[in-house]
């Protein structure tokens, strides 16, 4: 059984055909990663899944037996989808506690996330629960994940959750996602770093120019690496993650962590 089934999804944005005939599924309790370079259509794809006004979407999106393609974003959340956007969307005018309060809902997941439980998962957020602004990039990402969890989802979608984080925070995000896997929460991970993705995902898809061009088992690292190299345009000695390292000084470091004010 798939928590999420996407069949022949097309997304047209401002007259451009951004996503073309995308089909994939996220089985119950499993983790799927979609890799692709900048401009591949990854964010347009996930915004279409969430009903966030990403152009005109046609095809089929279903969670369990519920068809979502015509439903607004809030109903998709009620049916068990949660979204951690690439931009995190943390509001400096709200405290950590207030972010969680706004996001709390009954949801459709089997695991009921309370405020206390997310604070056990993210103890430094509890220490800053009444703080407005001033969160580091890593703390903002932890809050974005915590906010998604308190909607009690059956599936969580994360759009490039390691972007801009230090290597230590990338490791922390990885640990959190592996803990969510152990709790049976389905994960759809959107990434550029194939090394991070293969640590989390059971299956890998590669998106290029709006089309899925590869699907394989994450454990088949050599096959995944070849697909990534072909798509990102790197030779056998480099990968998408390797280029990020050379620019940023370490795996997953990206632009470094900043604080919201």
C-alpha atoms as a PDB file:
ATOM      1  CA  UNK A   1       0.000   0.000   0.000  1.00  0.00           C
ATOM      2  CA  UNK A   2       1.248   3.502  -0.837  1.00  0.00           C
ATOM      3  CA  UNK A   3       0.735   6.373   1.559  1.00  0.00           C
ATOM      4  CA  UNK A   4       1.236   8.626  -1.453  1.00  0.00           C
ATOM      5  CA  UNK A   5       0.586   7.706  -5.084  1.00  0.00           C
ATOM      6  CA  UNK A   6       1.469  10.116  -7.888  1.00  0.00           C
ATOM      7  CA  UNK A   7       0.465   9.060 -11.403  1.00  0.00           C
ATOM      8  CA  UNK A   8       1.170  10.956 -14.648  1.00  0.00           C
ATOM      9  CA  UNK A   9       1.461  14.293 -12.869  1.00  0.00           C
ATOM     10  CA  UNK A  10       1.898  17.277 -15.192  1.00  0.00           C
ATOM     11  CA  UNK A  11       2.422  20.809 -13.895  1.00  0.00           C
ATOM     12  CA  UNK A  12       2.236  23.849 -16.166  1.00  0.00           C
ATOM     13  CA  UNK A  13       3.463  27.156 -14.737  1.00  0.00           C
ATOM     14  CA  UNK A  14       3.120  30.441 -16.668  1.00  0.00           C
ATOM     15  CA  UNK A  15       2.733  28.477 -19.881  1.00  0.00           C
ATOM     16  CA  UNK A  16       5.831  26.340 -19.284  1.00  0.00           C
ATOM     17  CA  UNK A  17       5.547  22.564 -18.854  1.00  0.00           C
ATOM     18  CA  UNK A  18       7.618  22.220 -15.651  1.00  0.00           C
ATOM     19  CA  UNK A  19       6.747  18.665 -14.528  1.00  0.00           C
ATOM     20  CA  UNK A  20       5.972  16.052 -17.159  1.00  0.00           C
ATOM     21  CA  UNK A  21       4.230  12.711 -16.575  1.00  0.00           C
ATOM     22  CA  UNK A  22       5.801  12.146 -13.150  1.00  0.00           C
ATOM     23  CA  UNK A  23       4.775   8.868 -11.510  1.00  0.00           C
ATOM     24  CA  UNK A  24       6.033   7.525  -8.194  1.00  0.00           C
ATOM     25  CA  UNK A  25       4.777   6.172  -4.898  1.00  0.00           C
ATOM     26  CA  UNK A  26       5.771   6.409  -1.257  1.00  0.00           C
ATOM     27  CA  UNK A  27       4.912   3.085   0.418  1.00  0.00           C
ATOM     28  CA  UNK A  28       3.575   3.101   3.952  1.00  0.00           C
ATOM     29  CA  UNK A  29       6.428   3.588   6.437  1.00  0.00           C
ATOM     30  CA  UNK A  30       9.075   3.931   3.719  1.00  0.00           C
ATOM     31  CA  UNK A  31      11.359   6.761   2.630  1.00  0.00           C
ATOM     32  CA  UNK A  32      11.715   7.970  -0.950  1.00  0.00           C
ATOM     33  CA  UNK A  33      14.170  10.583  -2.248  1.00  0.00           C
ATOM     34  CA  UNK A  34      13.855  12.618  -5.427  1.00  0.00           C
ATOM     35  CA  UNK A  35      17.201  13.985  -6.588  1.00  0.00           C
ATOM     36  CA  UNK A  36      17.754  16.612  -9.237  1.00  0.00           C
ATOM     37  CA  UNK A  37      19.836  19.675 -10.069  1.00  0.00           C
ATOM     38  CA  UNK A  38      18.613  23.249  -9.741  1.00  0.00           C
ATOM     39  CA  UNK A  39      15.867  23.914 -12.256  1.00  0.00           C
ATOM     40  CA  UNK A  40      14.815  20.270 -12.539  1.00  0.00           C
ATOM     41  CA  UNK A  41      11.316  21.056 -11.241  1.00  0.00           C
ATOM     42  CA  UNK A  42      11.664  19.567  -7.747  1.00  0.00           C
ATOM     43  CA  UNK A  43      10.103  22.431  -5.790  1.00  0.00           C
ATOM     44  CA  UNK A  44       7.329  22.874  -8.371  1.00  0.00           C
ATOM     45  CA  UNK A  45       6.605  19.162  -7.990  1.00  0.00           C
ATOM     46  CA  UNK A  46       6.289  19.247  -4.201  1.00  0.00           C
ATOM     47  CA  UNK A  47       4.260  22.460  -4.220  1.00  0.00           C
ATOM     48  CA  UNK A  48       1.866  20.750  -6.624  1.00  0.00           C
ATOM     49  CA  UNK A  49       1.653  17.785  -4.242  1.00  0.00           C
ATOM     50  CA  UNK A  50       0.706  20.162  -1.433  1.00  0.00           C
ATOM     51  CA  UNK A  51      -1.751  22.216  -3.531  1.00  0.00           C
ATOM     52  CA  UNK A  52       0.223  25.412  -3.049  1.00  0.00           C
ATOM     53  CA  UNK A  53      -0.655  27.143  -6.288  1.00  0.00           C
ATOM     54  CA  UNK A  54       2.235  25.745  -8.334  1.00  0.00           C
ATOM     55  CA  UNK A  55       0.598  26.340 -11.702  1.00  0.00           C
ATOM     56  CA  UNK A  56      -1.980  23.984 -13.184  1.00  0.00           C
ATOM     57  CA  UNK A  57      -1.599  20.358 -12.091  1.00  0.00           C
ATOM     58  CA  UNK A  58      -3.213  17.425 -13.877  1.00  0.00           C
ATOM     59  CA  UNK A  59      -2.903  13.711 -13.276  1.00  0.00           C
ATOM     60  CA  UNK A  60      -3.490  11.836 -10.057  1.00  0.00           C
ATOM     61  CA  UNK A  61      -2.325  12.498  -6.484  1.00  0.00           C
ATOM     62  CA  UNK A  62      -3.729  10.242  -3.768  1.00  0.00           C
ATOM     63  CA  UNK A  63      -2.930   9.504  -0.155  1.00  0.00           C
ATOM     64  CA  UNK A  64      -4.334   6.132   0.752  1.00  0.00           C
ATOM     65  CA  UNK A  65      -7.761   5.988  -0.907  1.00  0.00           C
ATOM     66  CA  UNK A  66      -8.226   9.784  -0.872  1.00  0.00           C
ATOM     67  CA  UNK A  67      -7.846  11.683  -4.152  1.00  0.00           C
ATOM     68  CA  UNK A  68      -6.100  15.028  -3.589  1.00  0.00           C
ATOM     69  CA  UNK A  69      -5.671  16.659  -7.000  1.00  0.00           C
ATOM     70  CA  UNK A  70      -8.738  18.918  -6.577  1.00  0.00           C
ATOM     71  CA  UNK A  71      -8.351  19.541  -2.844  1.00  0.00           C
ATOM     72  CA  UNK A  72      -6.939  22.742  -1.302  1.00  0.00           C
ATOM     73  CA  UNK A  73      -3.739  22.674   0.724  1.00  0.00           C
ATOM     74  CA  UNK A  74      -5.435  22.667   4.139  1.00  0.00           C
ATOM     75  CA  UNK A  75      -7.428  19.550   3.276  1.00  0.00           C
ATOM     76  CA  UNK A  76      -4.271  17.786   2.114  1.00  0.00           C
ATOM     77  CA  UNK A  77      -2.746  18.538   5.507  1.00  0.00           C
ATOM     78  CA  UNK A  78      -5.849  17.164   7.233  1.00  0.00           C
ATOM     79  CA  UNK A  79      -5.460  13.974   5.176  1.00  0.00           C
ATOM     80  CA  UNK A  80      -1.930  13.499   6.488  1.00  0.00           C
ATOM     81  CA  UNK A  81       0.537  15.414   4.303  1.00  0.00           C
ATOM     82  CA  UNK A  82       3.063  17.694   5.993  1.00  0.00           C
ATOM     83  CA  UNK A  83       5.547  19.961   4.226  1.00  0.00           C
ATOM     84  CA  UNK A  84       8.919  21.343   5.318  1.00  0.00           C
ATOM     85  CA  UNK A  85       9.680  23.988   2.662  1.00  0.00           C
ATOM     86  CA  UNK A  86      13.143  24.813   1.403  1.00  0.00           C
ATOM     87  CA  UNK A  87      12.793  28.363   2.765  1.00  0.00           C
ATOM     88  CA  UNK A  88      11.670  27.015   6.212  1.00  0.00           C
ATOM     89  CA  UNK A  89       9.201  29.929   6.589  1.00  0.00           C
ATOM     90  CA  UNK A  90       9.994  30.685  10.200  1.00  0.00           C
ATOM     91  CA  UNK A  91       8.392  33.935  11.362  1.00  0.00           C
ATOM     92  CA  UNK A  92      10.620  36.096  13.603  1.00  0.00           C
ATOM     93  CA  UNK A  93       7.515  37.667  15.197  1.00  0.00           C
ATOM     94  CA  UNK A  94       6.433  34.269  16.626  1.00  0.00           C
ATOM     95  CA  UNK A  95       8.003  32.284  19.451  1.00  0.00           C
ATOM     96  CA  UNK A  96       8.907  28.619  19.047  1.00  0.00           C
ATOM     97  CA  UNK A  97       5.821  27.747  21.112  1.00  0.00           C
ATOM     98  CA  UNK A  98       3.575  29.918  18.943  1.00  0.00           C
ATOM     99  CA  UNK A  99       4.844  28.268  15.742  1.00  0.00           C
ATOM    100  CA  UNK A 100       3.860  24.886  17.167  1.00  0.00           C
ATOM    101  CA  UNK A 101       0.481  26.093  18.442  1.00  0.00           C
ATOM    102  CA  UNK A 102      -0.504  27.473  15.028  1.00  0.00           C
ATOM    103  CA  UNK A 103       0.479  24.218  13.277  1.00  0.00           C
ATOM    104  CA  UNK A 104      -1.162  21.730  15.661  1.00  0.00           C
ATOM    105  CA  UNK A 105      -4.009  19.662  14.264  1.00  0.00           C
ATOM    106  CA  UNK A 106      -5.448  16.204  14.598  1.00  0.00           C
ATOM    107  CA  UNK A 107      -4.033  15.031  11.269  1.00  0.00           C
ATOM    108  CA  UNK A 108      -4.318  11.533   9.863  1.00  0.00           C
ATOM    109  CA  UNK A 109      -1.112   9.914  11.101  1.00  0.00           C
ATOM    110  CA  UNK A 110      -0.900   6.938  13.415  1.00  0.00           C
ATOM    111  CA  UNK A 111       1.679   8.614  15.647  1.00  0.00           C
ATOM    112  CA  UNK A 112       0.223  11.480  17.694  1.00  0.00           C
ATOM    113  CA  UNK A 113       2.863  14.166  18.167  1.00  0.00           C
ATOM    114  CA  UNK A 114       2.467  16.350  21.251  1.00  0.00           C
ATOM    115  CA  UNK A 115       4.424  19.477  22.040  1.00  0.00           C
ATOM    116  CA  UNK A 116       6.287  17.560  24.747  1.00  0.00           C
ATOM    117  CA  UNK A 117       7.266  14.824  22.313  1.00  0.00           C
ATOM    118  CA  UNK A 118       8.721  17.197  19.742  1.00  0.00           C
ATOM    119  CA  UNK A 119      10.662  18.913  22.522  1.00  0.00           C
ATOM    120  CA  UNK A 120      12.114  15.526  23.478  1.00  0.00           C
ATOM    121  CA  UNK A 121      13.207  15.141  19.864  1.00  0.00           C
ATOM    122  CA  UNK A 122      14.550  18.728  19.734  1.00  0.00           C
ATOM    123  CA  UNK A 123      15.671  19.605  23.286  1.00  0.00           C
ATOM    124  CA  UNK A 124      17.347  22.897  22.308  1.00  0.00           C
ATOM    125  CA  UNK A 125      14.011  24.102  20.939  1.00  0.00           C
ATOM    126  CA  UNK A 126      12.456  23.585  24.365  1.00  0.00           C
ATOM    127  CA  UNK A 127      15.187  25.752  25.863  1.00  0.00           C
ATOM    128  CA  UNK A 128      14.186  28.495  23.409  1.00  0.00           C
ATOM    129  CA  UNK A 129      10.435  27.900  23.397  1.00  0.00           C
ATOM    130  CA  UNK A 130       9.588  31.486  24.361  1.00  0.00           C
ATOM    131  CA  UNK A 131      12.187  33.116  22.107  1.00  0.00           C
ATOM    132  CA  UNK A 132      11.207  35.293  19.135  1.00  0.00           C
ATOM    133  CA  UNK A 133      13.752  35.429  16.315  1.00  0.00           C
ATOM    134  CA  UNK A 134      17.466  34.861  16.745  1.00  0.00           C
ATOM    135  CA  UNK A 135      17.356  31.188  15.757  1.00  0.00           C
ATOM    136  CA  UNK A 136      20.320  29.781  13.860  1.00  0.00           C
ATOM    137  CA  UNK A 137      19.784  28.099  10.498  1.00  0.00           C
ATOM    138  CA  UNK A 138      19.953  24.714  12.173  1.00  0.00           C
ATOM    139  CA  UNK A 139      17.450  25.728  14.855  1.00  0.00           C
ATOM    140  CA  UNK A 140      15.109  27.091  12.193  1.00  0.00           C
ATOM    141  CA  UNK A 141      15.256  23.778  10.352  1.00  0.00           C
ATOM    142  CA  UNK A 142      14.547  21.834  13.540  1.00  0.00           C
ATOM    143  CA  UNK A 143      11.562  24.113  14.196  1.00  0.00           C
ATOM    144  CA  UNK A 144      10.310  23.658  10.623  1.00  0.00           C
ATOM    145  CA  UNK A 145      10.408  19.869  11.080  1.00  0.00           C
ATOM    146  CA  UNK A 146       8.800  20.096  14.541  1.00  0.00           C
ATOM    147  CA  UNK A 147       6.040  22.309  13.133  1.00  0.00           C
ATOM    148  CA  UNK A 148       5.335  19.709  10.444  1.00  0.00           C
ATOM    149  CA  UNK A 149       5.237  16.888  12.998  1.00  0.00           C
ATOM    150  CA  UNK A 150       2.620  18.512  15.255  1.00  0.00           C
ATOM    151  CA  UNK A 151       0.182  18.387  12.330  1.00  0.00           C
ATOM    152  CA  UNK A 152       0.364  14.617  12.983  1.00  0.00           C
ATOM    153  CA  UNK A 153       1.104  13.544   9.404  1.00  0.00           C
ATOM    154  CA  UNK A 154       1.237  10.110   7.854  1.00  0.00           C
ATOM    155  CA  UNK A 155       3.806  11.431   5.359  1.00  0.00           C
ATOM    156  CA  UNK A 156       6.274  14.301   5.637  1.00  0.00           C
ATOM    157  CA  UNK A 157       7.723  16.056   2.573  1.00  0.00           C
ATOM    158  CA  UNK A 158      11.065  17.823   3.047  1.00  0.00           C
ATOM    159  CA  UNK A 159      12.410  20.136   0.339  1.00  0.00           C
ATOM    160  CA  UNK A 160      16.237  20.238   0.542  1.00  0.00           C
ATOM    161  CA  UNK A 161      16.372  20.190   4.366  1.00  0.00           C
ATOM    162  CA  UNK A 162      20.193  20.322   4.488  1.00  0.00           C
ATOM    163  CA  UNK A 163      20.611  23.476   2.402  1.00  0.00           C
ATOM    164  CA  UNK A 164      22.768  26.062   4.151  1.00  0.00           C
ATOM    165  CA  UNK A 165      23.459  23.908   7.224  1.00  0.00           C
ATOM    166  CA  UNK A 166      26.796  23.127   8.859  1.00  0.00           C
ATOM    167  CA  UNK A 167      28.058  19.517   8.672  1.00  0.00           C
ATOM    168  CA  UNK A 168      27.091  19.014  12.334  1.00  0.00           C
ATOM    169  CA  UNK A 169      23.526  20.166  11.668  1.00  0.00           C
ATOM    170  CA  UNK A 170      23.312  18.013   8.532  1.00  0.00           C
ATOM    171  CA  UNK A 171      24.186  15.043  10.749  1.00  0.00           C
ATOM    172  CA  UNK A 172      21.512  16.129  13.234  1.00  0.00           C
ATOM    173  CA  UNK A 173      18.868  16.346  10.486  1.00  0.00           C
ATOM    174  CA  UNK A 174      19.911  12.875   9.331  1.00  0.00           C
ATOM    175  CA  UNK A 175      19.534  11.498  12.868  1.00  0.00           C
ATOM    176  CA  UNK A 176      16.063  13.048  13.185  1.00  0.00           C
ATOM    177  CA  UNK A 177      14.877  11.614   9.864  1.00  0.00           C
ATOM    178  CA  UNK A 178      16.176   8.175  10.787  1.00  0.00           C
ATOM    179  CA  UNK A 179      14.261   8.422  14.079  1.00  0.00           C
ATOM    180  CA  UNK A 180      11.094   9.308  12.145  1.00  0.00           C
ATOM    181  CA  UNK A 181      11.661   6.254   9.951  1.00  0.00           C
ATOM    182  CA  UNK A 182      11.884   4.079  13.059  1.00  0.00           C
ATOM    183  CA  UNK A 183       8.537   5.501  14.171  1.00  0.00           C
ATOM    184  CA  UNK A 184       7.008   4.427  10.849  1.00  0.00           C
ATOM    185  CA  UNK A 185       6.461   7.874   9.338  1.00  0.00           C
ATOM    186  CA  UNK A 186       6.667   7.904   5.538  1.00  0.00           C
ATOM    187  CA  UNK A 187       9.175  10.406   4.137  1.00  0.00           C
ATOM    188  CA  UNK A 188       9.474  12.091   0.748  1.00  0.00           C
ATOM    189  CA  UNK A 189      12.875  13.787   0.613  1.00  0.00           C
ATOM    190  CA  UNK A 190      13.804  16.306  -2.087  1.00  0.00           C
ATOM    191  CA  UNK A 191      17.584  16.674  -2.305  1.00  0.00           C
ATOM    192  CA  UNK A 192      20.635  17.436  -4.409  1.00  0.00           C
ATOM    193  CA  UNK A 193      23.167  15.586  -2.239  1.00  0.00           C
ATOM    194  CA  UNK A 194      22.895  11.916  -3.214  1.00  0.00           C
ATOM    195  CA  UNK A 195      25.086  10.822  -0.300  1.00  0.00           C
ATOM    196  CA  UNK A 196      22.681  12.314   2.237  1.00  0.00           C
ATOM    197  CA  UNK A 197      19.691  10.940   0.334  1.00  0.00           C
ATOM    198  CA  UNK A 198      21.001   7.367   0.246  1.00  0.00           C
ATOM    199  CA  UNK A 199      21.489   7.467   4.033  1.00  0.00           C
ATOM    200  CA  UNK A 200      17.776   8.194   4.488  1.00  0.00           C
ATOM    201  CA  UNK A 201      15.879   6.783   1.527  1.00  0.00           C
ATOM    202  CA  UNK A 202      14.898   3.251   0.603  1.00  0.00           C
ATOM    203  CA  UNK A 203      14.374   4.210  -3.046  1.00  0.00           C
ATOM    204  CA  UNK A 204      15.824   6.951  -5.238  1.00  0.00           C
ATOM    205  CA  UNK A 205      14.234   8.818  -8.124  1.00  0.00           C
ATOM    206  CA  UNK A 206      16.123  11.308 -10.300  1.00  0.00           C
ATOM    207  CA  UNK A 207      14.289  14.256 -11.866  1.00  0.00           C
ATOM    208  CA  UNK A 208      15.759  16.001 -14.904  1.00  0.00           C
ATOM    209  CA  UNK A 209      14.034  18.801 -16.819  1.00  0.00           C
ATOM    210  CA  UNK A 210      10.722  17.873 -15.216  1.00  0.00           C
ATOM    211  CA  UNK A 211      10.890  14.163 -16.055  1.00  0.00           C
ATOM    212  CA  UNK A 212      11.774  11.198 -13.876  1.00  0.00           C
ATOM    213  CA  UNK A 213      14.760   9.623 -15.621  1.00  0.00           C
ATOM    214  CA  UNK A 214      15.859   7.083 -12.992  1.00  0.00           C
ATOM    215  CA  UNK A 215      14.350   4.913 -10.277  1.00  0.00           C
ATOM    216  CA  UNK A 216      16.408   2.501  -8.216  1.00  0.00           C
ATOM    217  CA  UNK A 217      17.168   1.021  -4.822  1.00  0.00           C
ATOM    218  CA  UNK A 218      19.119   3.382  -2.569  1.00  0.00           C
ATOM    219  CA  UNK A 219      21.306   0.477  -1.448  1.00  0.00           C
ATOM    220  CA  UNK A 220      22.637   0.175  -5.019  1.00  0.00           C
ATOM    221  CA  UNK A 221      24.992   3.100  -4.487  1.00  0.00           C
ATOM    222  CA  UNK A 222      27.032   2.583  -7.670  1.00  0.00           C
ATOM    223  CA  UNK A 223      23.919   2.664  -9.844  1.00  0.00           C
ATOM    224  CA  UNK A 224      22.567   5.730  -8.030  1.00  0.00           C
ATOM    225  CA  UNK A 225      25.907   7.498  -8.380  1.00  0.00           C
ATOM    226  CA  UNK A 226      26.029   6.825 -12.124  1.00  0.00           C
ATOM    227  CA  UNK A 227      22.515   8.219 -12.532  1.00  0.00           C
ATOM    228  CA  UNK A 228      23.393  11.306 -10.501  1.00  0.00           C
ATOM    229  CA  UNK A 229      26.608  11.905 -12.443  1.00  0.00           C
ATOM    230  CA  UNK A 230      24.771  11.600 -15.746  1.00  0.00           C
ATOM    231  CA  UNK A 231      22.048  14.004 -14.612  1.00  0.00           C
ATOM    232  CA  UNK A 232      24.172  16.591 -12.813  1.00  0.00           C
ATOM    233  CA  UNK A 233      26.897  16.465 -15.477  1.00  0.00           C
ATOM    234  CA  UNK A 234      29.796  15.503 -13.214  1.00  0.00           C
ATOM    235  CA  UNK A 235      32.540  13.072 -14.165  1.00  0.00           C
ATOM    236  CA  UNK A 236      33.290   9.845 -12.308  1.00  0.00           C
ATOM    237  CA  UNK A 237      35.545  11.643  -9.848  1.00  0.00           C
ATOM    238  CA  UNK A 238      32.918  14.141  -8.738  1.00  0.00           C
ATOM    239  CA  UNK A 239      29.309  14.222  -7.605  1.00  0.00           C
ATOM    240  CA  UNK A 240      26.754  16.857  -6.765  1.00  0.00           C
ATOM    241  CA  UNK A 241      27.764  16.631  -3.134  1.00  0.00           C
ATOM    242  CA  UNK A 242      31.478  16.774  -4.009  1.00  0.00           C
ATOM    243  CA  UNK A 243      30.980  20.058  -5.837  1.00  0.00           C
ATOM    244  CA  UNK A 244      29.054  21.465  -2.881  1.00  0.00           C
ATOM    245  CA  UNK A 245      31.946  20.443  -0.628  1.00  0.00           C
ATOM    246  CA  UNK A 246      34.547  22.152  -2.786  1.00  0.00           C
ATOM    247  CA  UNK A 247      32.523  25.377  -2.713  1.00  0.00           C
ATOM    248  CA  UNK A 248      31.447  25.264   0.914  1.00  0.00           C
ATOM    249  CA  UNK A 249      34.275  23.523   2.724  1.00  0.00           C
ATOM    250  CA  UNK A 250      32.480  20.362   3.790  1.00  0.00           C
ATOM    251  CA  UNK A 251      29.558  18.059   3.067  1.00  0.00           C
ATOM    252  CA  UNK A 252      26.246  19.815   3.461  1.00  0.00           C
ATOM    253  CA  UNK A 253      27.774  23.065   4.684  1.00  0.00           C
ATOM    254  CA  UNK A 254      26.196  25.071   1.882  1.00  0.00           C
ATOM    255  CA  UNK A 255      26.063  28.798   2.571  1.00  0.00           C
ATOM    256  CA  UNK A 256      26.549  28.398   6.297  1.00  0.00           C
ATOM    257  CA  UNK A 257      24.007  28.980   8.999  1.00  0.00           C
ATOM    258  CA  UNK A 258      22.374  32.335   9.481  1.00  0.00           C
ATOM    259  CA  UNK A 259      20.028  33.612  12.152  1.00  0.00           C
ATOM    260  CA  UNK A 260      16.548  35.003  11.695  1.00  0.00           C
ATOM    261  CA  UNK A 261      15.935  38.412  13.176  1.00  0.00           C
END
